[in-house]
Amino acid sequence: MLPGSVYLEMARAALEQGGIDREIASTLEEGTTSIYLQEHIWMEPLVVDDEQVEVHIALISKEDGLVEYDIYSGSDYFDDQTAITHAQGMMKVSKLKHPKKGKP
């Protein structure tokens, strides 16, 4: 069974890699913004046995800097009836009051 923390990391990594907006990804890399994970719901455990499972993440831009995420398998499209939603939630990107001074 996939640990719950992995879903959170998948959502964060997808956003940071520019999955929705290159500008957001750039500000995250520069350390001038941060990600707040909100309203996370674990829905259906992802169990992987001997067979490989393809897992997808959909990022949907909402108003006020919110990004909805859906982590799913069983289909290439999260809104397909055959898709199994494993987790979903929201992320908010906010500017830091005191940006980081570069990466170590």
PDB file of N, CA and C in Angstrom:
ATOM      1  N   MET A   1       0.852  -1.166   0.000  1.00  0.00           N
ATOM      2  CA  MET A   1       0.000   0.000   0.000  1.00  0.00           C
ATOM      3  C   MET A   1       0.907   1.243   0.000  1.00  0.00           C
ATOM      4  N   LEU A   2       0.559   2.203  -0.830  1.00  0.00           N
ATOM      5  CA  LEU A   2       1.326   3.447  -0.928  1.00  0.00           C
ATOM      6  C   LEU A   2       1.072   4.298   0.315  1.00  0.00           C
ATOM      7  N   PRO A   3       2.143   4.728   1.020  1.00  0.00           N
ATOM      8  CA  PRO A   3       1.956   5.561   2.216  1.00  0.00           C
ATOM      9  C   PRO A   3       1.285   6.901   1.884  1.00  0.00           C
ATOM     10  N   GLY A   4       0.497   7.410   2.801  1.00  0.00           N
ATOM     11  CA  GLY A   4      -0.225   8.668   2.594  1.00  0.00           C
ATOM     12  C   GLY A   4       0.670   9.848   2.286  1.00  0.00           C
ATOM     13  N   SER A   5       1.854   9.881   2.877  1.00  0.00           N
ATOM     14  CA  SER A   5       2.767  11.012   2.639  1.00  0.00           C
ATOM     15  C   SER A   5       3.227  11.083   1.180  1.00  0.00           C
ATOM     16  N   VAL A   6       3.208   9.954   0.484  1.00  0.00           N
ATOM     17  CA  VAL A   6       3.633   9.940  -0.913  1.00  0.00           C
ATOM     18  C   VAL A   6       2.659  10.740  -1.785  1.00  0.00           C
ATOM     19  N   TYR A   7       1.379  10.677  -1.473  1.00  0.00           N
ATOM     20  CA  TYR A   7       0.395  11.455  -2.237  1.00  0.00           C
ATOM     21  C   TYR A   7       0.666  12.953  -2.094  1.00  0.00           C
ATOM     22  N   LEU A   8       0.991  13.377  -0.880  1.00  0.00           N
ATOM     23  CA  LEU A   8       1.290  14.789  -0.646  1.00  0.00           C
ATOM     24  C   LEU A   8       2.536  15.207  -1.422  1.00  0.00           C
ATOM     25  N   GLU A   9       3.540  14.354  -1.418  1.00  0.00           N
ATOM     26  CA  GLU A   9       4.771  14.650  -2.148  1.00  0.00           C
ATOM     27  C   GLU A   9       4.533  14.668  -3.654  1.00  0.00           C
ATOM     28  N   MET A  10       3.675  13.792  -4.149  1.00  0.00           N
ATOM     29  CA  MET A  10       3.347  13.784  -5.581  1.00  0.00           C
ATOM     30  C   MET A  10       2.705  15.112  -5.994  1.00  0.00           C
ATOM     31  N   ALA A  11       1.776  15.591  -5.187  1.00  0.00           N
ATOM     32  CA  ALA A  11       1.094  16.855  -5.492  1.00  0.00           C
ATOM     33  C   ALA A  11       2.086  18.007  -5.489  1.00  0.00           C
ATOM     34  N   ARG A  12       2.926  18.076  -4.459  1.00  0.00           N
ATOM     35  CA  ARG A  12       3.915  19.144  -4.355  1.00  0.00           C
ATOM     36  C   ARG A  12       4.885  19.102  -5.528  1.00  0.00           C
ATOM     37  N   ALA A  13       5.393  17.924  -5.847  1.00  0.00           N
ATOM     38  CA  ALA A  13       6.365  17.781  -6.932  1.00  0.00           C
ATOM     39  C   ALA A  13       5.759  18.143  -8.287  1.00  0.00           C
ATOM     40  N   ALA A  14       4.521  17.749  -8.521  1.00  0.00           N
ATOM     41  CA  ALA A  14       3.868  18.074  -9.798  1.00  0.00           C
ATOM     42  C   ALA A  14       3.747  19.580  -9.980  1.00  0.00           C
ATOM     43  N   LEU A  15       3.399  20.272  -8.920  1.00  0.00           N
ATOM     44  CA  LEU A  15       3.277  21.731  -8.994  1.00  0.00           C
ATOM     45  C   LEU A  15       4.655  22.374  -9.171  1.00  0.00           C
ATOM     46  N   GLU A  16       5.624  21.886  -8.422  1.00  0.00           N
ATOM     47  CA  GLU A  16       6.971  22.452  -8.470  1.00  0.00           C
ATOM     48  C   GLU A  16       7.635  22.228  -9.823  1.00  0.00           C
ATOM     49  N   GLN A  17       7.283  21.164 -10.509  1.00  0.00           N
ATOM     50  CA  GLN A  17       7.868  20.864 -11.809  1.00  0.00           C
ATOM     51  C   GLN A  17       7.160  21.583 -12.950  1.00  0.00           C
ATOM     52  N   GLY A  18       6.285  22.500 -12.619  1.00  0.00           N
ATOM     53  CA  GLY A  18       5.626  23.296 -13.647  1.00  0.00           C
ATOM     54  C   GLY A  18       4.408  22.650 -14.251  1.00  0.00           C
ATOM     55  N   GLY A  19       3.786  21.726 -13.509  1.00  0.00           N
ATOM     56  CA  GLY A  19       2.630  21.011 -14.014  1.00  0.00           C
ATOM     57  C   GLY A  19       1.436  21.889 -14.328  1.00  0.00           C
ATOM     58  N   ILE A  20       1.375  23.086 -13.795  1.00  0.00           N
ATOM     59  CA  ILE A  20       0.230  23.956 -14.064  1.00  0.00           C
ATOM     60  C   ILE A  20       0.672  25.317 -14.588  1.00  0.00           C
ATOM     61  N   ASP A  21       1.833  25.782 -14.132  1.00  0.00           N
ATOM     62  CA  ASP A  21       2.252  27.137 -14.480  1.00  0.00           C
ATOM     63  C   ASP A  21       3.760  27.268 -14.270  1.00  0.00           C
ATOM     64  N   ARG A  22       4.479  27.578 -15.332  1.00  0.00           N
ATOM     65  CA  ARG A  22       5.944  27.722 -15.258  1.00  0.00           C
ATOM     66  C   ARG A  22       6.346  28.863 -14.317  1.00  0.00           C
ATOM     67  N   GLU A  23       5.547  29.904 -14.256  1.00  0.00           N
ATOM     68  CA  GLU A  23       5.858  31.033 -13.370  1.00  0.00           C
ATOM     69  C   GLU A  23       5.811  30.592 -11.907  1.00  0.00           C
ATOM     70  N   ILE A  24       4.811  29.814 -11.553  1.00  0.00           N
ATOM     71  CA  ILE A  24       4.710  29.293 -10.187  1.00  0.00           C
ATOM     72  C   ILE A  24       5.926  28.418  -9.889  1.00  0.00           C
ATOM     73  N   ALA A  25       6.270  27.530 -10.823  1.00  0.00           N
ATOM     74  CA  ALA A  25       7.422  26.654 -10.625  1.00  0.00           C
ATOM     75  C   ALA A  25       8.693  27.473 -10.411  1.00  0.00           C
ATOM     76  N   SER A  26       8.837  28.544 -11.157  1.00  0.00           N
ATOM     77  CA  SER A  26      10.018  29.396 -11.039  1.00  0.00           C
ATOM     78  C   SER A  26      10.090  30.064  -9.674  1.00  0.00           C
ATOM     79  N   THR A  27       8.965  30.578  -9.182  1.00  0.00           N
ATOM     80  CA  THR A  27       8.970  31.247  -7.869  1.00  0.00           C
ATOM     81  C   THR A  27       9.228  30.261  -6.740  1.00  0.00           C
ATOM     82  N   LEU A  28       8.761  29.020  -6.907  1.00  0.00           N
ATOM     83  CA  LEU A  28       9.034  27.991  -5.900  1.00  0.00           C
ATOM     84  C   LEU A  28      10.523  27.674  -5.872  1.00  0.00           C
ATOM     85  N   GLU A  29      11.118  27.556  -7.046  1.00  0.00           N
ATOM     86  CA  GLU A  29      12.547  27.265  -7.136  1.00  0.00           C
ATOM     87  C   GLU A  29      13.385  28.403  -6.562  1.00  0.00           C
ATOM     88  N   GLU A  30      12.958  29.629  -6.792  1.00  0.00           N
ATOM     89  CA  GLU A  30      13.682  30.795  -6.279  1.00  0.00           C
ATOM     90  C   GLU A  30      13.532  30.948  -4.766  1.00  0.00           C
ATOM     91  N   GLY A  31      12.530  30.299  -4.198  1.00  0.00           N
ATOM     92  CA  GLY A  31      12.301  30.401  -2.763  1.00  0.00           C
ATOM     93  C   GLY A  31      11.520  31.638  -2.362  1.00  0.00           C
ATOM     94  N   THR A  32      10.762  32.218  -3.307  1.00  0.00           N
ATOM     95  CA  THR A  32       9.976  33.405  -2.988  1.00  0.00           C
ATOM     96  C   THR A  32       8.516  33.082  -2.677  1.00  0.00           C
ATOM     97  N   THR A  33       8.128  31.822  -2.858  1.00  0.00           N
ATOM     98  CA  THR A  33       6.769  31.386  -2.531  1.00  0.00           C
ATOM     99  C   THR A  33       6.827  30.043  -1.812  1.00  0.00           C
ATOM    100  N   SER A  34       5.719  29.679  -1.215  1.00  0.00           N
ATOM    101  CA  SER A  34       5.620  28.371  -0.572  1.00  0.00           C
ATOM    102  C   SER A  34       4.280  27.736  -0.928  1.00  0.00           C
ATOM    103  N   ILE A  35       4.190  26.430  -0.719  1.00  0.00           N
ATOM    104  CA  ILE A  35       2.977  25.675  -1.027  1.00  0.00           C
ATOM    105  C   ILE A  35       2.311  25.257   0.280  1.00  0.00           C
ATOM    106  N   TYR A  36       1.016  25.504   0.378  1.00  0.00           N
ATOM    107  CA  TYR A  36       0.221  25.046   1.509  1.00  0.00           C
ATOM    108  C   TYR A  36      -0.741  23.980   0.990  1.00  0.00           C
ATOM    109  N   LEU A  37      -0.651  22.782   1.538  1.00  0.00           N
ATOM    110  CA  LEU A  37      -1.563  21.704   1.163  1.00  0.00           C
ATOM    111  C   LEU A  37      -2.799  21.796   2.051  1.00  0.00           C
ATOM    112  N   GLN A  38      -3.980  21.754   1.434  1.00  0.00           N
ATOM    113  CA  GLN A  38      -5.227  21.939   2.157  1.00  0.00           C
ATOM    114  C   GLN A  38      -6.247  20.894   1.723  1.00  0.00           C
ATOM    115  N   GLU A  39      -7.178  20.615   2.595  1.00  0.00           N
ATOM    116  CA  GLU A  39      -8.346  19.794   2.269  1.00  0.00           C
ATOM    117  C   GLU A  39      -7.978  18.467   1.619  1.00  0.00           C
ATOM    118  N   HIS A  40      -6.890  17.851   2.067  1.00  0.00           N
ATOM    119  CA  HIS A  40      -6.471  16.590   1.476  1.00  0.00           C
ATOM    120  C   HIS A  40      -7.392  15.464   1.941  1.00  0.00           C
ATOM    121  N   ILE A  41      -7.811  14.643   0.990  1.00  0.00           N
ATOM    122  CA  ILE A  41      -8.687  13.515   1.289  1.00  0.00           C
ATOM    123  C   ILE A  41      -8.060  12.253   0.698  1.00  0.00           C
ATOM    124  N   TRP A  42      -7.824  11.254   1.558  1.00  0.00           N
ATOM    125  CA  TRP A  42      -7.399   9.948   1.079  1.00  0.00           C
ATOM    126  C   TRP A  42      -8.673   9.173   0.792  1.00  0.00           C
ATOM    127  N   MET A  43      -8.824   8.714  -0.446  1.00  0.00           N
ATOM    128  CA  MET A  43     -10.092   8.115  -0.837  1.00  0.00           C
ATOM    129  C   MET A  43     -10.022   6.596  -0.989  1.00  0.00           C
ATOM    130  N   GLU A  44      -9.128   6.127  -1.811  1.00  0.00           N
ATOM    131  CA  GLU A  44      -9.011   4.696  -2.104  1.00  0.00           C
ATOM    132  C   GLU A  44      -7.536   4.331  -2.056  1.00  0.00           C
ATOM    133  N   PRO A  45      -7.133   3.437  -1.161  1.00  0.00           N
ATOM    134  CA  PRO A  45      -5.717   3.089  -1.079  1.00  0.00           C
ATOM    135  C   PRO A  45      -5.183   2.553  -2.407  1.00  0.00           C
ATOM    136  N   LEU A  46      -3.959   2.900  -2.716  1.00  0.00           N
ATOM    137  CA  LEU A  46      -3.299   2.378  -3.909  1.00  0.00           C
ATOM    138  C   LEU A  46      -2.443   1.199  -3.459  1.00  0.00           C
ATOM    139  N   VAL A  47      -2.839   0.020  -3.890  1.00  0.00           N
ATOM    140  CA  VAL A  47      -2.124  -1.197  -3.535  1.00  0.00           C
ATOM    141  C   VAL A  47      -1.444  -1.716  -4.793  1.00  0.00           C
ATOM    142  N   VAL A  48      -0.135  -1.932  -4.691  1.00  0.00           N
ATOM    143  CA  VAL A  48       0.636  -2.436  -5.819  1.00  0.00           C
ATOM    144  C   VAL A  48       1.212  -3.787  -5.428  1.00  0.00           C
ATOM    145  N   ASP A  49       0.871  -4.793  -6.207  1.00  0.00           N
ATOM    146  CA  ASP A  49       1.397  -6.139  -5.957  1.00  0.00           C
ATOM    147  C   ASP A  49       2.518  -6.404  -6.953  1.00  0.00           C
ATOM    148  N   ASP A  50       2.396  -7.461  -7.720  1.00  0.00           N
ATOM    149  CA  ASP A  50       3.421  -7.826  -8.692  1.00  0.00           C
ATOM    150  C   ASP A  50       3.286  -7.060 -10.007  1.00  0.00           C
ATOM    151  N   GLU A  51       2.094  -6.597 -10.310  1.00  0.00           N
ATOM    152  CA  GLU A  51       1.867  -5.887 -11.569  1.00  0.00           C
ATOM    153  C   GLU A  51       2.108  -4.391 -11.404  1.00  0.00           C
ATOM    154  N   GLN A  52       2.642  -3.795 -12.449  1.00  0.00           N
ATOM    155  CA  GLN A  52       2.913  -2.362 -12.454  1.00  0.00           C
ATOM    156  C   GLN A  52       1.591  -1.583 -12.553  1.00  0.00           C
ATOM    157  N   VAL A  53       1.506  -0.466 -11.831  1.00  0.00           N
ATOM    158  CA  VAL A  53       0.313   0.375 -11.857  1.00  0.00           C
ATOM    159  C   VAL A  53       0.725   1.769 -12.306  1.00  0.00           C
ATOM    160  N   GLU A  54       0.028   2.287 -13.296  1.00  0.00           N
ATOM    161  CA  GLU A  54       0.292   3.643 -13.771  1.00  0.00           C
ATOM    162  C   GLU A  54      -0.596   4.615 -12.998  1.00  0.00           C
ATOM    163  N   VAL A  55       0.035   5.576 -12.333  1.00  0.00           N
ATOM    164  CA  VAL A  55      -0.669   6.549 -11.508  1.00  0.00           C
ATOM    165  C   VAL A  55      -0.525   7.921 -12.145  1.00  0.00           C
ATOM    166  N   HIS A  56      -1.599   8.689 -12.151  1.00  0.00           N
ATOM    167  CA  HIS A  56      -1.617  10.019 -12.766  1.00  0.00           C
ATOM    168  C   HIS A  56      -1.979  11.070 -11.726  1.00  0.00           C
ATOM    169  N   ILE A  57      -1.629  12.303 -12.046  1.00  0.00           N
ATOM    170  CA  ILE A  57      -2.076  13.420 -11.221  1.00  0.00           C
ATOM    171  C   ILE A  57      -2.612  14.501 -12.140  1.00  0.00           C
ATOM    172  N   ALA A  58      -3.783  15.011 -11.806  1.00  0.00           N
ATOM    173  CA  ALA A  58      -4.377  16.119 -12.557  1.00  0.00           C
ATOM    174  C   ALA A  58      -4.296  17.362 -11.684  1.00  0.00           C
ATOM    175  N   LEU A  59      -3.818  18.449 -12.263  1.00  0.00           N
ATOM    176  CA  LEU A  59      -3.766  19.738 -11.568  1.00  0.00           C
ATOM    177  C   LEU A  59      -4.736  20.676 -12.260  1.00  0.00           C
ATOM    178  N   ILE A  60      -5.605  21.296 -11.489  1.00  0.00           N
ATOM    179  CA  ILE A  60      -6.625  22.194 -12.043  1.00  0.00           C
ATOM    180  C   ILE A  60      -6.507  23.538 -11.348  1.00  0.00           C
ATOM    181  N   SER A  61      -6.237  24.566 -12.128  1.00  0.00           N
ATOM    182  CA  SER A  61      -6.082  25.910 -11.576  1.00  0.00           C
ATOM    183  C   SER A  61      -7.442  26.472 -11.186  1.00  0.00           C
ATOM    184  N   LYS A  62      -7.524  26.981  -9.964  1.00  0.00           N
ATOM    185  CA  LYS A  62      -8.745  27.602  -9.458  1.00  0.00           C
ATOM    186  C   LYS A  62      -8.458  29.077  -9.191  1.00  0.00           C
ATOM    187  N   GLU A  63      -9.444  29.792  -8.690  1.00  0.00           N
ATOM    188  CA  GLU A  63      -9.242  31.217  -8.393  1.00  0.00           C
ATOM    189  C   GLU A  63      -8.450  31.392  -7.100  1.00  0.00           C
ATOM    190  N   ASP A  64      -7.964  32.599  -6.890  1.00  0.00           N
ATOM    191  CA  ASP A  64      -7.225  32.970  -5.680  1.00  0.00           C
ATOM    192  C   ASP A  64      -5.951  32.159  -5.459  1.00  0.00           C
ATOM    193  N   GLY A  65      -5.305  31.723  -6.553  1.00  0.00           N
ATOM    194  CA  GLY A  65      -4.047  31.001  -6.424  1.00  0.00           C
ATOM    195  C   GLY A  65      -4.177  29.565  -5.964  1.00  0.00           C
ATOM    196  N   LEU A  66      -5.384  29.037  -5.934  1.00  0.00           N
ATOM    197  CA  LEU A  66      -5.588  27.650  -5.534  1.00  0.00           C
ATOM    198  C   LEU A  66      -5.402  26.709  -6.714  1.00  0.00           C
ATOM    199  N   VAL A  67      -4.862  25.532  -6.419  1.00  0.00           N
ATOM    200  CA  VAL A  67      -4.709  24.485  -7.420  1.00  0.00           C
ATOM    201  C   VAL A  67      -5.295  23.207  -6.840  1.00  0.00           C
ATOM    202  N   GLU A  68      -6.271  22.652  -7.524  1.00  0.00           N
ATOM    203  CA  GLU A  68      -6.865  21.385  -7.106  1.00  0.00           C
ATOM    204  C   GLU A  68      -6.026  20.260  -7.677  1.00  0.00           C
ATOM    205  N   TYR A  69      -5.849  19.182  -6.920  1.00  0.00           N
ATOM    206  CA  TYR A  69      -5.150  18.018  -7.453  1.00  0.00           C
ATOM    207  C   TYR A  69      -5.962  16.763  -7.214  1.00  0.00           C
ATOM    208  N   ASP A  70      -5.884  15.859  -8.197  1.00  0.00           N
ATOM    209  CA  ASP A  70      -6.522  14.551  -8.119  1.00  0.00           C
ATOM    210  C   ASP A  70      -5.474  13.524  -8.498  1.00  0.00           C
ATOM    211  N   ILE A  71      -5.264  12.538  -7.656  1.00  0.00           N
ATOM    212  CA  ILE A  71      -4.310  11.465  -7.920  1.00  0.00           C
ATOM    213  C   ILE A  71      -5.134  10.209  -8.189  1.00  0.00           C
ATOM    214  N   TYR A  72      -4.927   9.602  -9.356  1.00  0.00           N
ATOM    215  CA  TYR A  72      -5.820   8.530  -9.791  1.00  0.00           C
ATOM    216  C   TYR A  72      -5.069   7.492 -10.623  1.00  0.00           C
ATOM    217  N   SER A  73      -5.710   6.350 -10.823  1.00  0.00           N
ATOM    218  CA  SER A  73      -5.195   5.294 -11.689  1.00  0.00           C
ATOM    219  C   SER A  73      -6.380   4.671 -12.420  1.00  0.00           C
ATOM    220  N   GLY A  74      -6.078   3.747 -13.325  1.00  0.00           N
ATOM    221  CA  GLY A  74      -7.138   3.029 -14.030  1.00  0.00           C
ATOM    222  C   GLY A  74      -7.619   3.689 -15.300  1.00  0.00           C
ATOM    223  N   SER A  75      -7.161   4.898 -15.588  1.00  0.00           N
ATOM    224  CA  SER A  75      -7.552   5.621 -16.783  1.00  0.00           C
ATOM    225  C   SER A  75      -6.548   6.741 -17.017  1.00  0.00           C
ATOM    226  N   ASP A  76      -6.506   7.232 -18.244  1.00  0.00           N
ATOM    227  CA  ASP A  76      -5.650   8.383 -18.542  1.00  0.00           C
ATOM    228  C   ASP A  76      -6.319   9.694 -18.154  1.00  0.00           C
ATOM    229  N   TYR A  77      -7.596   9.662 -17.828  1.00  0.00           N
ATOM    230  CA  TYR A  77      -8.359  10.879 -17.530  1.00  0.00           C
ATOM    231  C   TYR A  77      -9.047  10.739 -16.172  1.00  0.00           C
ATOM    232  N   PHE A  78      -8.857  11.731 -15.293  1.00  0.00           N
ATOM    233  CA  PHE A  78      -9.397  11.627 -13.936  1.00  0.00           C
ATOM    234  C   PHE A  78     -10.919  11.644 -13.887  1.00  0.00           C
ATOM    235  N   ASP A  79     -11.562  12.204 -14.902  1.00  0.00           N
ATOM    236  CA  ASP A  79     -13.022  12.264 -14.885  1.00  0.00           C
ATOM    237  C   ASP A  79     -13.679  11.096 -15.630  1.00  0.00           C
ATOM    238  N   ASP A  80     -12.880  10.124 -16.043  1.00  0.00           N
ATOM    239  CA  ASP A  80     -13.384   8.922 -16.700  1.00  0.00           C
ATOM    240  C   ASP A  80     -14.032   8.024 -15.634  1.00  0.00           C
ATOM    241  N   GLN A  81     -15.095   7.337 -15.990  1.00  0.00           N
ATOM    242  CA  GLN A  81     -15.804   6.469 -15.034  1.00  0.00           C
ATOM    243  C   GLN A  81     -14.946   5.310 -14.548  1.00  0.00           C
ATOM    244  N   THR A  82     -13.936   4.915 -15.328  1.00  0.00           N
ATOM    245  CA  THR A  82     -13.084   3.795 -14.926  1.00  0.00           C
ATOM    246  C   THR A  82     -11.927   4.236 -14.025  1.00  0.00           C
ATOM    247  N   ALA A  83     -11.722   5.531 -13.878  1.00  0.00           N
ATOM    248  CA  ALA A  83     -10.630   6.035 -13.040  1.00  0.00           C
ATOM    249  C   ALA A  83     -10.925   5.779 -11.568  1.00  0.00           C
ATOM    250  N   ILE A  84      -9.892   5.418 -10.843  1.00  0.00           N
ATOM    251  CA  ILE A  84      -9.991   5.232  -9.394  1.00  0.00           C
ATOM    252  C   ILE A  84      -9.256   6.389  -8.751  1.00  0.00           C
ATOM    253  N   THR A  85      -9.975   7.235  -8.037  1.00  0.00           N
ATOM    254  CA  THR A  85      -9.350   8.370  -7.364  1.00  0.00           C
ATOM    255  C   THR A  85      -8.808   7.902  -6.016  1.00  0.00           C
ATOM    256  N   HIS A  86      -7.503   8.099  -5.837  1.00  0.00           N
ATOM    257  CA  HIS A  86      -6.838   7.663  -4.607  1.00  0.00           C
ATOM    258  C   HIS A  86      -6.747   8.789  -3.583  1.00  0.00           C
ATOM    259  N   ALA A  87      -6.564  10.011  -4.071  1.00  0.00           N
ATOM    260  CA  ALA A  87      -6.451  11.163  -3.170  1.00  0.00           C
ATOM    261  C   ALA A  87      -6.765  12.426  -3.950  1.00  0.00           C
ATOM    262  N   GLN A  88      -7.210  13.442  -3.205  1.00  0.00           N
ATOM    263  CA  GLN A  88      -7.456  14.741  -3.826  1.00  0.00           C
ATOM    264  C   GLN A  88      -7.355  15.820  -2.760  1.00  0.00           C
ATOM    265  N   GLY A  89      -7.168  17.033  -3.215  1.00  0.00           N
ATOM    266  CA  GLY A  89      -7.059  18.144  -2.287  1.00  0.00           C
ATOM    267  C   GLY A  89      -6.769  19.434  -3.016  1.00  0.00           C
ATOM    268  N   MET A  90      -6.348  20.418  -2.247  1.00  0.00           N
ATOM    269  CA  MET A  90      -6.045  21.741  -2.792  1.00  0.00           C
ATOM    270  C   MET A  90      -4.649  22.161  -2.342  1.00  0.00           C
ATOM    271  N   MET A  91      -4.017  22.973  -3.169  1.00  0.00           N
ATOM    272  CA  MET A  91      -2.742  23.589  -2.806  1.00  0.00           C
ATOM    273  C   MET A  91      -2.885  25.081  -3.007  1.00  0.00           C
ATOM    274  N   LYS A  92      -2.291  25.848  -2.131  1.00  0.00           N
ATOM    275  CA  LYS A  92      -2.276  27.297  -2.272  1.00  0.00           C
ATOM    276  C   LYS A  92      -0.819  27.730  -2.318  1.00  0.00           C
ATOM    277  N   VAL A  93      -0.503  28.528  -3.328  1.00  0.00           N
ATOM    278  CA  VAL A  93       0.840  29.085  -3.459  1.00  0.00           C
ATOM    279  C   VAL A  93       0.779  30.501  -2.922  1.00  0.00           C
ATOM    280  N   SER A  94       1.638  30.786  -1.941  1.00  0.00           N
ATOM    281  CA  SER A  94       1.652  32.110  -1.318  1.00  0.00           C
ATOM    282  C   SER A  94       3.057  32.678  -1.333  1.00  0.00           C
ATOM    283  N   LYS A  95       3.130  33.997  -1.503  1.00  0.00           N
ATOM    284  CA  LYS A  95       4.428  34.674  -1.448  1.00  0.00           C
ATOM    285  C   LYS A  95       4.920  34.691  -0.011  1.00  0.00           C
ATOM    286  N   LEU A  96       6.219  34.462   0.141  1.00  0.00           N
ATOM    287  CA  LEU A  96       6.820  34.518   1.464  1.00  0.00           C
ATOM    288  C   LEU A  96       7.099  35.970   1.859  1.00  0.00           C
ATOM    289  N   LYS A  97       6.876  36.292   3.115  1.00  0.00           N
ATOM    290  CA  LYS A  97       7.169  37.640   3.600  1.00  0.00           C
ATOM    291  C   LYS A  97       8.675  37.883   3.623  1.00  0.00           C
ATOM    292  N   HIS A  98       9.434  36.821   3.932  1.00  0.00           N
ATOM    293  CA  HIS A  98      10.881  36.913   3.985  1.00  0.00           C
ATOM    294  C   HIS A  98      11.454  35.799   3.107  1.00  0.00           C
ATOM    295  N   PRO A  99      11.619  36.063   1.796  1.00  0.00           N
ATOM    296  CA  PRO A  99      12.093  35.023   0.876  1.00  0.00           C
ATOM    297  C   PRO A  99      13.439  34.432   1.316  1.00  0.00           C
ATOM    298  N   LYS A 100      13.614  33.157   0.970  1.00  0.00           N
ATOM    299  CA  LYS A 100      14.866  32.472   1.273  1.00  0.00           C
ATOM    300  C   LYS A 100      16.012  33.108   0.498  1.00  0.00           C
ATOM    301  N   LYS A 101      17.195  33.034   1.038  1.00  0.00           N
ATOM    302  CA  LYS A 101      18.371  33.642   0.418  1.00  0.00           C
ATOM    303  C   LYS A 101      19.145  32.643  -0.426  1.00  0.00           C
ATOM    304  N   GLY A 102      18.509  32.014  -1.373  1.00  0.00           N
ATOM    305  CA  GLY A 102      19.202  31.061  -2.243  1.00  0.00           C
ATOM    306  C   GLY A 102      19.238  29.671  -1.625  1.00  0.00           C
ATOM    307  N   LYS A 103      19.554  28.696  -2.462  1.00  0.00           N
ATOM    308  CA  LYS A 103      19.585  27.308  -2.000  1.00  0.00           C
ATOM    309  C   LYS A 103      20.971  26.982  -1.458  1.00  0.00           C
ATOM    310  N   PRO A 104      21.036  26.091  -0.443  1.00  0.00           N
ATOM    311  CA  PRO A 104      22.338  25.703   0.131  1.00  0.00           C
ATOM    312  C   PRO A 104      23.156  24.893  -0.835  1.00  0.00           C
TER     313      PRO A 104
END
